[in-house]
C-alpha atoms as a PDB file:
ATOM      1  CA  UNK A   1      65.687  51.814 252.646  1.00  0.00           C
ATOM      2  CA  UNK A   2      62.331  49.044 252.060  1.00  0.00           C
ATOM      3  CA  UNK A   3      58.798  51.328 252.845  1.00  0.00           C
ATOM      4  CA  UNK A   4      55.413  49.510 253.285  1.00  0.00           C
ATOM      5  CA  UNK A   5      53.097  51.475 250.793  1.00  0.00           C
ATOM      6  CA  UNK A   6      49.858  50.389 250.974  1.00  0.00           C
ATOM      7  CA  UNK A   7      46.288  52.505 249.360  1.00  0.00           C
ATOM      8  CA  UNK A   8      46.390  55.540 251.440  1.00  0.00           C
ATOM      9  CA  UNK A   9      49.928  56.078 251.022  1.00  0.00           C
ATOM     10  CA  UNK A  10      49.746  55.664 247.123  1.00  0.00           C
ATOM     11  CA  UNK A  11      46.252  58.304 247.737  1.00  0.00           C
ATOM     12  CA  UNK A  12      48.842  60.824 249.540  1.00  0.00           C
ATOM     13  CA  UNK A  13      51.605  60.446 247.080  1.00  0.00           C
ATOM     14  CA  UNK A  14      49.821  60.207 243.810  1.00  0.00           C
ATOM     15  CA  UNK A  15      46.774  62.582 244.991  1.00  0.00           C
ATOM     16  CA  UNK A  16      44.985  62.655 241.006  1.00  0.00           C
ATOM     17  CA  UNK A  17      44.841  59.318 240.791  1.00  0.00           C
ATOM     18  CA  UNK A  18      41.852  56.891 241.126  1.00  0.00           C
ATOM     19  CA  UNK A  19      40.226  54.739 243.139  1.00  0.00           C
ATOM     20  CA  UNK A  20      36.685  54.801 242.534  1.00  0.00           C
ATOM     21  CA  UNK A  21      35.252  51.935 241.863  1.00  0.00           C
ATOM     22  CA  UNK A  22      37.817  50.452 243.749  1.00  0.00           C
ATOM     23  CA  UNK A  23      36.384  47.193 246.585  1.00  0.00           C
ATOM     24  CA  UNK A  24      38.901  47.089 249.648  1.00  0.00           C
ATOM     25  CA  UNK A  25      40.318  44.178 249.930  1.00  0.00           C
ATOM     26  CA  UNK A  26      39.885  42.999 254.550  1.00  0.00           C
ATOM     27  CA  UNK A  27      40.707  40.007 253.669  1.00  0.00           C
ATOM     28  CA  UNK A  28      44.737  39.159 252.830  1.00  0.00           C
ATOM     29  CA  UNK A  29      47.562  38.484 255.372  1.00  0.00           C
ATOM     30  CA  UNK A  30      49.627  41.573 256.080  1.00  0.00           C
ATOM     31  CA  UNK A  31      51.446  44.456 253.804  1.00  0.00           C
ATOM     32  CA  UNK A  32      54.561  43.238 251.615  1.00  0.00           C
ATOM     33  CA  UNK A  33      57.730  45.060 252.633  1.00  0.00           C
ATOM     34  CA  UNK A  34      58.011  47.094 248.952  1.00  0.00           C
ATOM     35  CA  UNK A  35      61.097  49.511 247.032  1.00  0.00           C
ATOM     36  CA  UNK A  36      61.021  52.678 244.965  1.00  0.00           C
ATOM     37  CA  UNK A  37      62.398  52.505 241.311  1.00  0.00           C
ATOM     38  CA  UNK A  38      62.727  54.386 238.377  1.00  0.00           C
ATOM     39  CA  UNK A  39      62.769  52.312 235.025  1.00  0.00           C
ATOM     40  CA  UNK A  40      65.211  49.804 234.150  1.00  0.00           C
ATOM     41  CA  UNK A  41      66.197  50.718 229.990  1.00  0.00           C
ATOM     42  CA  UNK A  42      67.171  54.423 230.415  1.00  0.00           C
ATOM     43  CA  UNK A  43      67.146  55.469 234.612  1.00  0.00           C
ATOM     44  CA  UNK A  44      64.295  58.644 234.101  1.00  0.00           C
ATOM     45  CA  UNK A  45      61.636  58.821 237.102  1.00  0.00           C
ATOM     46  CA  UNK A  46      59.861  60.248 234.698  1.00  0.00           C
ATOM     47  CA  UNK A  47      56.594  58.747 234.518  1.00  0.00           C
ATOM     48  CA  UNK A  48      52.956  58.707 233.800  1.00  0.00           C
ATOM     49  CA  UNK A  49      50.505  57.195 235.989  1.00  0.00           C
ATOM     50  CA  UNK A  50      49.163  54.147 233.923  1.00  0.00           C
ATOM     51  CA  UNK A  51      47.201  51.237 236.447  1.00  0.00           C
ATOM     52  CA  UNK A  52      46.750  50.880 240.416  1.00  0.00           C
ATOM     53  CA  UNK A  53      46.046  46.836 240.861  1.00  0.00           C
ATOM     54  CA  UNK A  54      46.307  43.949 243.362  1.00  0.00           C
ATOM     55  CA  UNK A  55      46.993  40.667 242.924  1.00  0.00           C
ATOM     56  CA  UNK A  56      43.889  39.287 241.887  1.00  0.00           C
ATOM     57  CA  UNK A  57      44.820  35.566 241.144  1.00  0.00           C
ATOM     58  CA  UNK A  58      46.899  34.448 244.787  1.00  0.00           C
ATOM     59  CA  UNK A  59      46.037  37.250 247.457  1.00  0.00           C
ATOM     60  CA  UNK A  60      49.472  37.441 248.686  1.00  0.00           C
ATOM     61  CA  UNK A  61      48.703  40.729 250.482  1.00  0.00           C
ATOM     62  CA  UNK A  62      46.730  43.650 251.009  1.00  0.00           C
ATOM     63  CA  UNK A  63      48.649  45.996 249.166  1.00  0.00           C
ATOM     64  CA  UNK A  64      47.919  47.951 245.791  1.00  0.00           C
ATOM     65  CA  UNK A  65      50.642  48.435 244.001  1.00  0.00           C
ATOM     66  CA  UNK A  66      51.497  50.693 241.167  1.00  0.00           C
ATOM     67  CA  UNK A  67      52.526  51.114 237.089  1.00  0.00           C
ATOM     68  CA  UNK A  68      53.982  53.914 235.720  1.00  0.00           C
ATOM     69  CA  UNK A  69      54.916  55.163 232.477  1.00  0.00           C
ATOM     70  CA  UNK A  70      58.229  55.929 231.620  1.00  0.00           C
ATOM     71  CA  UNK A  71      58.225  59.110 230.169  1.00  0.00           C
ATOM     72  CA  UNK A  72      61.501  59.546 228.425  1.00  0.00           C
ATOM     73  CA  UNK A  73      61.514  55.237 226.974  1.00  0.00           C
ATOM     74  CA  UNK A  74      58.216  53.773 227.300  1.00  0.00           C
ATOM     75  CA  UNK A  75      58.280  51.251 229.423  1.00  0.00           C
ATOM     76  CA  UNK A  76      55.404  50.147 231.044  1.00  0.00           C
ATOM     77  CA  UNK A  77      56.585  49.069 234.619  1.00  0.00           C
ATOM     78  CA  UNK A  78      55.992  48.445 238.818  1.00  0.00           C
ATOM     79  CA  UNK A  79      57.022  51.770 240.370  1.00  0.00           C
ATOM     80  CA  UNK A  80      56.373  50.906 243.681  1.00  0.00           C
ATOM     81  CA  UNK A  81      57.510  46.816 243.735  1.00  0.00           C
ATOM     82  CA  UNK A  82      57.452  43.960 246.525  1.00  0.00           C
ATOM     83  CA  UNK A  83      60.758  43.917 248.005  1.00  0.00           C
ATOM     84  CA  UNK A  84      62.997  41.177 247.059  1.00  0.00           C
ATOM     85  CA  UNK A  85      63.073  39.600 250.680  1.00  0.00           C
ATOM     86  CA  UNK A  86      58.774  39.109 249.418  1.00  0.00           C
ATOM     87  CA  UNK A  87      60.001  36.762 246.077  1.00  0.00           C
ATOM     88  CA  UNK A  88      58.660  33.493 248.799  1.00  0.00           C
ATOM     89  CA  UNK A  89      55.321  35.087 249.864  1.00  0.00           C
ATOM     90  CA  UNK A  90      54.583  36.747 245.873  1.00  0.00           C
ATOM     91  CA  UNK A  91      55.539  33.400 244.295  1.00  0.00           C
ATOM     92  CA  UNK A  92      53.647  31.015 246.552  1.00  0.00           C
ATOM     93  CA  UNK A  93      54.181  27.344 246.696  1.00  0.00           C
ATOM     94  CA  UNK A  94      50.580  26.802 245.102  1.00  0.00           C
ATOM     95  CA  UNK A  95      52.633  28.887 241.877  1.00  0.00           C
ATOM     96  CA  UNK A  96      51.111  27.435 238.194  1.00  0.00           C
ATOM     97  CA  UNK A  97      54.800  27.837 236.690  1.00  0.00           C
ATOM     98  CA  UNK A  98      56.250  25.483 239.763  1.00  0.00           C
ATOM     99  CA  UNK A  99      54.089  22.591 239.247  1.00  0.00           C
ATOM    100  CA  UNK A 100      52.806  22.646 235.265  1.00  0.00           C
ATOM    101  CA  UNK A 101      52.070  19.611 234.653  1.00  0.00           C
ATOM    102  CA  UNK A 102      49.436  16.737 232.929  1.00  0.00           C
ATOM    103  CA  UNK A 103      47.958  16.095 236.183  1.00  0.00           C
ATOM    104  CA  UNK A 104      46.537  19.811 237.158  1.00  0.00           C
ATOM    105  CA  UNK A 105      46.523  21.138 233.838  1.00  0.00           C
ATOM    106  CA  UNK A 106      45.195  18.007 231.355  1.00  0.00           C
ATOM    107  CA  UNK A 107      43.806  19.081 227.969  1.00  0.00           C
ATOM    108  CA  UNK A 108      45.032  22.913 228.881  1.00  0.00           C
ATOM    109  CA  UNK A 109      49.226  20.953 228.831  1.00  0.00           C
ATOM    110  CA  UNK A 110      48.893  19.011 226.209  1.00  0.00           C
ATOM    111  CA  UNK A 111      48.256  21.968 223.816  1.00  0.00           C
ATOM    112  CA  UNK A 112      50.879  23.519 225.229  1.00  0.00           C
ATOM    113  CA  UNK A 113      53.827  20.963 224.805  1.00  0.00           C
ATOM    114  CA  UNK A 114      53.244  20.702 221.892  1.00  0.00           C
ATOM    115  CA  UNK A 115      52.954  24.333 220.661  1.00  0.00           C
ATOM    116  CA  UNK A 116      56.264  24.944 222.108  1.00  0.00           C
ATOM    117  CA  UNK A 117      58.061  22.298 221.403  1.00  0.00           C
ATOM    118  CA  UNK A 118      57.660  24.074 217.940  1.00  0.00           C
ATOM    119  CA  UNK A 119      58.615  27.144 218.655  1.00  0.00           C
ATOM    120  CA  UNK A 120      61.295  26.235 220.958  1.00  0.00           C
ATOM    121  CA  UNK A 121      62.578  23.937 217.417  1.00  0.00           C
ATOM    122  CA  UNK A 122      62.447  26.441 215.505  1.00  0.00           C
ATOM    123  CA  UNK A 123      64.043  28.927 218.123  1.00  0.00           C
ATOM    124  CA  UNK A 124      66.981  25.943 217.893  1.00  0.00           C
ATOM    125  CA  UNK A 125      67.056  25.789 214.300  1.00  0.00           C
ATOM    126  CA  UNK A 126      70.444  26.369 213.391  1.00  0.00           C
ATOM    127  CA  UNK A 127      72.224  24.463 216.257  1.00  0.00           C
ATOM    128  CA  UNK A 128      74.165  21.361 215.696  1.00  0.00           C
ATOM    129  CA  UNK A 129      75.759  18.651 217.714  1.00  0.00           C
ATOM    130  CA  UNK A 130      77.045  20.113 221.058  1.00  0.00           C
ATOM    131  CA  UNK A 131      74.896  22.514 220.845  1.00  0.00           C
ATOM    132  CA  UNK A 132      74.852  23.732 225.184  1.00  0.00           C
ATOM    133  CA  UNK A 133      71.579  26.068 225.869  1.00  0.00           C
ATOM    134  CA  UNK A 134      70.386  27.774 228.903  1.00  0.00           C
ATOM    135  CA  UNK A 135      67.295  28.245 230.115  1.00  0.00           C
ATOM    136  CA  UNK A 136      67.051  31.368 232.035  1.00  0.00           C
ATOM    137  CA  UNK A 137      64.257  31.723 235.243  1.00  0.00           C
ATOM    138  CA  UNK A 138      63.305  28.524 233.942  1.00  0.00           C
ATOM    139  CA  UNK A 139      61.209  27.518 236.264  1.00  0.00           C
ATOM    140  CA  UNK A 140      59.956  23.472 237.184  1.00  0.00           C
ATOM    141  CA  UNK A 141      61.967  22.795 233.257  1.00  0.00           C
ATOM    142  CA  UNK A 142      58.877  22.960 231.731  1.00  0.00           C
ATOM    143  CA  UNK A 143      61.007  23.915 228.343  1.00  0.00           C
ATOM    144  CA  UNK A 144      63.575  21.995 229.287  1.00  0.00           C
ATOM    145  CA  UNK A 145      61.658  18.292 229.336  1.00  0.00           C
ATOM    146  CA  UNK A 146      60.546  19.814 225.579  1.00  0.00           C
ATOM    147  CA  UNK A 147      64.053  19.854 224.601  1.00  0.00           C
ATOM    148  CA  UNK A 148      65.022  16.841 226.227  1.00  0.00           C
ATOM    149  CA  UNK A 149      62.001  15.058 224.576  1.00  0.00           C
ATOM    150  CA  UNK A 150      62.117  16.635 221.122  1.00  0.00           C
ATOM    151  CA  UNK A 151      65.275  18.572 220.884  1.00  0.00           C
ATOM    152  CA  UNK A 152      69.046  17.054 219.317  1.00  0.00           C
ATOM    153  CA  UNK A 153      69.414  14.048 221.399  1.00  0.00           C
ATOM    154  CA  UNK A 154      73.167  15.346 221.709  1.00  0.00           C
ATOM    155  CA  UNK A 155      72.465  18.506 223.285  1.00  0.00           C
ATOM    156  CA  UNK A 156      73.037  19.849 226.373  1.00  0.00           C
ATOM    157  CA  UNK A 157      70.626  21.145 227.862  1.00  0.00           C
ATOM    158  CA  UNK A 158      70.960  23.362 231.275  1.00  0.00           C
ATOM    159  CA  UNK A 159      68.447  25.332 233.581  1.00  0.00           C
ATOM    160  CA  UNK A 160      68.720  28.270 235.978  1.00  0.00           C
ATOM    161  CA  UNK A 161      66.181  29.309 238.480  1.00  0.00           C
ATOM    162  CA  UNK A 162      66.666  30.780 242.078  1.00  0.00           C
ATOM    163  CA  UNK A 163      63.099  29.516 243.413  1.00  0.00           C
ATOM    164  CA  UNK A 164      63.422  26.058 246.114  1.00  0.00           C
ATOM    165  CA  UNK A 165      60.207  24.708 244.708  1.00  0.00           C
ATOM    166  CA  UNK A 166      61.156  25.287 241.429  1.00  0.00           C
ATOM    167  CA  UNK A 167      64.758  23.697 241.095  1.00  0.00           C
ATOM    168  CA  UNK A 168      63.565  20.607 243.597  1.00  0.00           C
ATOM    169  CA  UNK A 169      60.495  19.775 240.609  1.00  0.00           C
ATOM    170  CA  UNK A 170      63.368  20.186 238.015  1.00  0.00           C
ATOM    171  CA  UNK A 171      65.502  17.960 239.589  1.00  0.00           C
ATOM    172  CA  UNK A 172      63.150  15.625 240.374  1.00  0.00           C
ATOM    173  CA  UNK A 173      62.556  15.274 236.870  1.00  0.00           C
ATOM    174  CA  UNK A 174      66.369  13.907 236.077  1.00  0.00           C
ATOM    175  CA  UNK A 175      66.675  18.057 235.221  1.00  0.00           C
ATOM    176  CA  UNK A 176      70.388  19.444 235.018  1.00  0.00           C
ATOM    177  CA  UNK A 177      68.847  22.967 237.079  1.00  0.00           C
ATOM    178  CA  UNK A 178      71.511  25.581 239.006  1.00  0.00           C
ATOM    179  CA  UNK A 179      69.962  27.080 241.464  1.00  0.00           C
ATOM    180  CA  UNK A 180      70.696  30.947 240.832  1.00  0.00           C
ATOM    181  CA  UNK A 181      70.383  33.862 239.761  1.00  0.00           C
ATOM    182  CA  UNK A 182      73.098  34.760 236.091  1.00  0.00           C
ATOM    183  CA  UNK A 183      74.747  37.624 237.740  1.00  0.00           C
ATOM    184  CA  UNK A 184      76.820  35.456 240.385  1.00  0.00           C
ATOM    185  CA  UNK A 185      76.132  31.808 239.318  1.00  0.00           C
ATOM    186  CA  UNK A 186      79.620  29.772 238.389  1.00  0.00           C
ATOM    187  CA  UNK A 187      78.890  28.706 234.814  1.00  0.00           C
ATOM    188  CA  UNK A 188      81.209  29.259 232.311  1.00  0.00           C
ATOM    189  CA  UNK A 189      81.249  32.309 229.874  1.00  0.00           C
ATOM    190  CA  UNK A 190      81.474  32.576 226.792  1.00  0.00           C
ATOM    191  CA  UNK A 191      80.314  28.611 226.059  1.00  0.00           C
ATOM    192  CA  UNK A 192      76.720  28.104 225.506  1.00  0.00           C
ATOM    193  CA  UNK A 193      75.250  28.512 221.713  1.00  0.00           C
ATOM    194  CA  UNK A 194      71.450  29.563 223.266  1.00  0.00           C
ATOM    195  CA  UNK A 195      70.249  31.493 226.183  1.00  0.00           C
ATOM    196  CA  UNK A 196      65.933  30.880 226.494  1.00  0.00           C
ATOM    197  CA  UNK A 197      64.605  33.750 228.391  1.00  0.00           C
ATOM    198  CA  UNK A 198      60.297  32.339 228.100  1.00  0.00           C
ATOM    199  CA  UNK A 199      58.278  34.515 229.931  1.00  0.00           C
ATOM    200  CA  UNK A 200      61.291  35.178 232.634  1.00  0.00           C
ATOM    201  CA  UNK A 201      62.601  39.375 231.423  1.00  0.00           C
ATOM    202  CA  UNK A 202      59.287  40.276 232.837  1.00  0.00           C
ATOM    203  CA  UNK A 203      59.967  38.979 236.506  1.00  0.00           C
ATOM    204  CA  UNK A 204      63.015  40.072 236.810  1.00  0.00           C
ATOM    205  CA  UNK A 205      64.430  43.522 239.549  1.00  0.00           C
ATOM    206  CA  UNK A 206      67.405  44.431 236.737  1.00  0.00           C
ATOM    207  CA  UNK A 207      65.793  43.326 233.208  1.00  0.00           C
ATOM    208  CA  UNK A 208      69.382  45.601 232.313  1.00  0.00           C
ATOM    209  CA  UNK A 209      72.219  43.717 233.875  1.00  0.00           C
ATOM    210  CA  UNK A 210      70.190  40.668 233.621  1.00  0.00           C
ATOM    211  CA  UNK A 211      70.521  40.722 230.085  1.00  0.00           C
ATOM    212  CA  UNK A 212      74.695  41.372 230.195  1.00  0.00           C
ATOM    213  CA  UNK A 213      74.919  38.247 232.652  1.00  0.00           C
ATOM    214  CA  UNK A 214      73.639  36.255 230.115  1.00  0.00           C
ATOM    215  CA  UNK A 215      75.392  37.912 226.870  1.00  0.00           C
ATOM    216  CA  UNK A 216      79.362  36.981 228.602  1.00  0.00           C
ATOM    217  CA  UNK A 217      77.680  32.929 228.628  1.00  0.00           C
ATOM    218  CA  UNK A 218      77.114  33.628 224.742  1.00  0.00           C
ATOM    219  CA  UNK A 219      79.540  32.378 222.500  1.00  0.00           C
ATOM    220  CA  UNK A 220      80.597  34.917 220.009  1.00  0.00           C
ATOM    221  CA  UNK A 221      77.399  35.579 217.815  1.00  0.00           C
ATOM    222  CA  UNK A 222      75.367  33.543 219.776  1.00  0.00           C
ATOM    223  CA  UNK A 223      71.574  33.939 220.684  1.00  0.00           C
ATOM    224  CA  UNK A 224      69.393  34.825 223.344  1.00  0.00           C
ATOM    225  CA  UNK A 225      65.523  33.835 222.662  1.00  0.00           C
ATOM    226  CA  UNK A 226      62.968  36.469 225.094  1.00  0.00           C
ATOM    227  CA  UNK A 227      59.767  35.315 225.221  1.00  0.00           C
ATOM    228  CA  UNK A 228      57.334  38.102 227.716  1.00  0.00           C
ATOM    229  CA  UNK A 229      54.659  39.828 227.111  1.00  0.00           C
ATOM    230  CA  UNK A 230      53.882  42.454 224.220  1.00  0.00           C
ATOM    231  CA  UNK A 231      51.992  46.385 225.223  1.00  0.00           C
ATOM    232  CA  UNK A 232      51.252  47.079 222.558  1.00  0.00           C
ATOM    233  CA  UNK A 233      48.191  45.490 221.635  1.00  0.00           C
ATOM    234  CA  UNK A 234      44.392  46.330 221.850  1.00  0.00           C
ATOM    235  CA  UNK A 235      43.614  43.781 225.064  1.00  0.00           C
ATOM    236  CA  UNK A 236      46.586  46.759 226.703  1.00  0.00           C
ATOM    237  CA  UNK A 237      44.102  49.204 225.539  1.00  0.00           C
ATOM    238  CA  UNK A 238      41.364  48.406 226.883  1.00  0.00           C
ATOM    239  CA  UNK A 239      42.651  46.819 230.410  1.00  0.00           C
ATOM    240  CA  UNK A 240      45.488  48.913 231.202  1.00  0.00           C
ATOM    241  CA  UNK A 241      43.796  51.114 233.725  1.00  0.00           C
ATOM    242  CA  UNK A 242      43.880  48.197 236.629  1.00  0.00           C
ATOM    243  CA  UNK A 243      43.452  44.914 235.268  1.00  0.00           C
ATOM    244  CA  UNK A 244      45.064  44.007 232.286  1.00  0.00           C
ATOM    245  CA  UNK A 245      45.984  39.963 232.554  1.00  0.00           C
ATOM    246  CA  UNK A 246      49.810  41.392 232.149  1.00  0.00           C
ATOM    247  CA  UNK A 247      50.320  43.062 235.253  1.00  0.00           C
ATOM    248  CA  UNK A 248      50.088  39.561 236.741  1.00  0.00           C
ATOM    249  CA  UNK A 249      50.145  41.652 240.122  1.00  0.00           C
ATOM    250  CA  UNK A 250      52.922  42.039 241.803  1.00  0.00           C
ATOM    251  CA  UNK A 251      55.156  39.957 239.901  1.00  0.00           C
ATOM    252  CA  UNK A 252      56.079  41.611 236.758  1.00  0.00           C
ATOM    253  CA  UNK A 253      57.579  44.535 237.244  1.00  0.00           C
ATOM    254  CA  UNK A 254      58.453  45.415 233.879  1.00  0.00           C
ATOM    255  CA  UNK A 255      56.497  44.413 230.504  1.00  0.00           C
ATOM    256  CA  UNK A 256      57.934  45.644 226.810  1.00  0.00           C
ATOM    257  CA  UNK A 257      56.489  46.772 223.529  1.00  0.00           C
ATOM    258  CA  UNK A 258      58.453  46.262 220.709  1.00  0.00           C
ATOM    259  CA  UNK A 259      59.358  50.052 221.429  1.00  0.00           C
ATOM    260  CA  UNK A 260      61.150  49.455 224.595  1.00  0.00           C
ATOM    261  CA  UNK A 261      62.173  46.397 224.103  1.00  0.00           C
ATOM    262  CA  UNK A 262      64.619  47.209 221.131  1.00  0.00           C
ATOM    263  CA  UNK A 263      66.004  50.131 223.457  1.00  0.00           C
ATOM    264  CA  UNK A 264      66.247  47.291 225.783  1.00  0.00           C
ATOM    265  CA  UNK A 265      68.921  45.214 222.911  1.00  0.00           C
ATOM    266  CA  UNK A 266      70.701  48.778 222.707  1.00  0.00           C
ATOM    267  CA  UNK A 267      71.032  49.376 225.531  1.00  0.00           C
ATOM    268  CA  UNK A 268      73.088  45.844 226.472  1.00  0.00           C
ATOM    269  CA  UNK A 269      75.168  45.855 222.942  1.00  0.00           C
ATOM    270  CA  UNK A 270      73.251  43.599 221.094  1.00  0.00           C
ATOM    271  CA  UNK A 271      71.866  43.330 217.847  1.00  0.00           C
ATOM    272  CA  UNK A 272      68.293  42.390 217.419  1.00  0.00           C
ATOM    273  CA  UNK A 273      68.050  39.312 214.599  1.00  0.00           C
ATOM    274  CA  UNK A 274      64.069  38.611 214.845  1.00  0.00           C
ATOM    275  CA  UNK A 275      61.354  40.546 216.097  1.00  0.00           C
ATOM    276  CA  UNK A 276      57.929  39.695 215.574  1.00  0.00           C
ATOM    277  CA  UNK A 277      54.658  38.860 217.885  1.00  0.00           C
ATOM    278  CA  UNK A 278      53.063  35.686 218.540  1.00  0.00           C
ATOM    279  CA  UNK A 279      49.020  35.027 219.635  1.00  0.00           C
ATOM    280  CA  UNK A 280      48.426  33.650 223.333  1.00  0.00           C
ATOM    281  CA  UNK A 281      45.181  33.824 224.743  1.00  0.00           C
ATOM    282  CA  UNK A 282      45.966  34.116 228.538  1.00  0.00           C
ATOM    283  CA  UNK A 283      46.445  38.237 228.834  1.00  0.00           C
ATOM    284  CA  UNK A 284      42.500  37.718 227.904  1.00  0.00           C
ATOM    285  CA  UNK A 285      42.220  35.576 229.457  1.00  0.00           C
ATOM    286  CA  UNK A 286      43.437  37.157 232.862  1.00  0.00           C
ATOM    287  CA  UNK A 287      42.135  40.433 231.815  1.00  0.00           C
ATOM    288  CA  UNK A 288      38.587  39.311 231.886  1.00  0.00           C
ATOM    289  CA  UNK A 289      39.310  36.939 234.981  1.00  0.00           C
ATOM    290  CA  UNK A 290      40.771  40.684 236.935  1.00  0.00           C
ATOM    291  CA  UNK A 291      37.913  42.717 236.124  1.00  0.00           C
ATOM    292  CA  UNK A 292      34.785  39.994 237.343  1.00  0.00           C
ATOM    293  CA  UNK A 293      37.104  38.573 240.780  1.00  0.00           C
ATOM    294  CA  UNK A 294      37.518  42.373 241.608  1.00  0.00           C
ATOM    295  CA  UNK A 295      33.456  43.493 240.703  1.00  0.00           C
ATOM    296  CA  UNK A 296      32.470  40.656 243.054  1.00  0.00           C
ATOM    297  CA  UNK A 297      31.576  38.196 240.272  1.00  0.00           C
ATOM    298  CA  UNK A 298      30.438  34.710 241.835  1.00  0.00           C
ATOM    299  CA  UNK A 299      33.584  32.655 241.885  1.00  0.00           C
ATOM    300  CA  UNK A 300      31.803  30.027 239.045  1.00  0.00           C
ATOM    301  CA  UNK A 301      32.018  32.100 236.532  1.00  0.00           C
ATOM    302  CA  UNK A 302      35.723  33.497 238.239  1.00  0.00           C
ATOM    303  CA  UNK A 303      36.385  30.430 237.436  1.00  0.00           C
ATOM    304  CA  UNK A 304      35.428  30.379 233.808  1.00  0.00           C
ATOM    305  CA  UNK A 305      38.591  32.591 233.193  1.00  0.00           C
ATOM    306  CA  UNK A 306      41.634  30.295 233.838  1.00  0.00           C
ATOM    307  CA  UNK A 307      44.376  28.520 232.559  1.00  0.00           C
ATOM    308  CA  UNK A 308      42.297  25.425 233.369  1.00  0.00           C
ATOM    309  CA  UNK A 309      39.367  26.737 230.988  1.00  0.00           C
ATOM    310  CA  UNK A 310      39.430  25.023 227.346  1.00  0.00           C
ATOM    311  CA  UNK A 311      36.887  27.039 225.795  1.00  0.00           C
ATOM    312  CA  UNK A 312      37.891  30.499 227.073  1.00  0.00           C
ATOM    313  CA  UNK A 313      41.254  30.409 226.035  1.00  0.00           C
ATOM    314  CA  UNK A 314      40.142  28.253 222.936  1.00  0.00           C
ATOM    315  CA  UNK A 315      37.616  31.461 222.223  1.00  0.00           C
ATOM    316  CA  UNK A 316      40.713  34.116 222.827  1.00  0.00           C
ATOM    317  CA  UNK A 317      43.004  32.004 220.920  1.00  0.00           C
ATOM    318  CA  UNK A 318      40.643  32.133 217.873  1.00  0.00           C
ATOM    319  CA  UNK A 319      40.638  36.409 218.710  1.00  0.00           C
ATOM    320  CA  UNK A 320      43.861  36.792 219.484  1.00  0.00           C
ATOM    321  CA  UNK A 321      45.097  35.150 215.425  1.00  0.00           C
ATOM    322  CA  UNK A 322      43.275  38.435 214.431  1.00  0.00           C
ATOM    323  CA  UNK A 323      46.047  40.943 216.124  1.00  0.00           C
ATOM    324  CA  UNK A 324      48.811  38.643 215.634  1.00  0.00           C
ATOM    325  CA  UNK A 325      47.564  39.386 211.600  1.00  0.00           C
ATOM    326  CA  UNK A 326      47.572  42.753 212.287  1.00  0.00           C
ATOM    327  CA  UNK A 327      51.484  42.247 214.156  1.00  0.00           C
ATOM    328  CA  UNK A 328      49.890  42.753 218.131  1.00  0.00           C
ATOM    329  CA  UNK A 329      49.786  39.112 218.792  1.00  0.00           C
ATOM    330  CA  UNK A 330      49.883  39.045 223.284  1.00  0.00           C
ATOM    331  CA  UNK A 331      53.069  38.896 223.279  1.00  0.00           C
ATOM    332  CA  UNK A 332      56.794  39.799 221.403  1.00  0.00           C
ATOM    333  CA  UNK A 333      59.293  36.992 220.374  1.00  0.00           C
ATOM    334  CA  UNK A 334      62.898  38.495 220.371  1.00  0.00           C
ATOM    335  CA  UNK A 335      66.201  36.995 218.705  1.00  0.00           C
ATOM    336  CA  UNK A 336      69.309  38.808 220.337  1.00  0.00           C
ATOM    337  CA  UNK A 337      72.248  38.165 219.222  1.00  0.00           C
ATOM    338  CA  UNK A 338      75.747  37.684 219.864  1.00  0.00           C
ATOM    339  CA  UNK A 339      77.876  40.489 218.150  1.00  0.00           C
ATOM    340  CA  UNK A 340      80.567  38.770 216.224  1.00  0.00           C
ATOM    341  CA  UNK A 341      80.973  34.899 214.218  1.00  0.00           C
ATOM    342  CA  UNK A 342      79.900  32.102 215.743  1.00  0.00           C
ATOM    343  CA  UNK A 343      82.812  29.341 216.292  1.00  0.00           C
END
């Protein structure tokens, strides 16, 4: 049975957890219904405490959220997370992925659009005419639009998302988006050449089951491209106790390193065709934003660190380029291949 877990409950359950210097947030709405889970990769309950944090970005509740590291496989995950019935609340109507548009984000949108188009075309390299592509967790269809605008015009491009807001926004742009989840949606198995899971797997309640479902949709030799936050980074080491931007409390439920991603692939029965890192300034920027906001910095200063801040994004793009050169870029890029030869 789901249960409500707030800061006092965490203190009693984990007496070694420190809340020193953690300000209380009395101005939020009522507590979320929460549930407790074990590791999504290996099923273990043997954990190391890492962080306690709050919803710094959207303030959807007054809850504190506990993140742990599995001592058996190394997965970083939210031990006490919102129940599935709370999704509409933790993903509010103004959530950025529901309306990432030029009107709202201006120059940042144009830069990201250009960069992501190049990355997408690289992911689609080798696809022939009439290839079928599925974007899992497509949001408002940002990447589907890129495929439609820059990809092969013969490709059949589809998305799937469980958010009413996202599906509506995507369909209003003329995109083909299925409303639901891959585990139950009536999609033709063994028919897709490529699946995309860009900034998706970290949000899933059961990454292993979802990835197995995606595998069933792929043709023999078909690929899935996963892009997700990387815990093997300097920003994670510096901010992991509370303010790391990759936690995105309470929306990121599973966070991977190269090692845990390889283990997930083994458990699913897919081959790791590529595993690398790519540059992103977002976690650096939001780590600093969360720290400033948490300690009561003035609003004008906090707002200098966001998706609407070209200066801070540019600075940390350059900064993360150094870490990318060392193999520790902010994001993991993983290509998994379905066993068998392409038809």
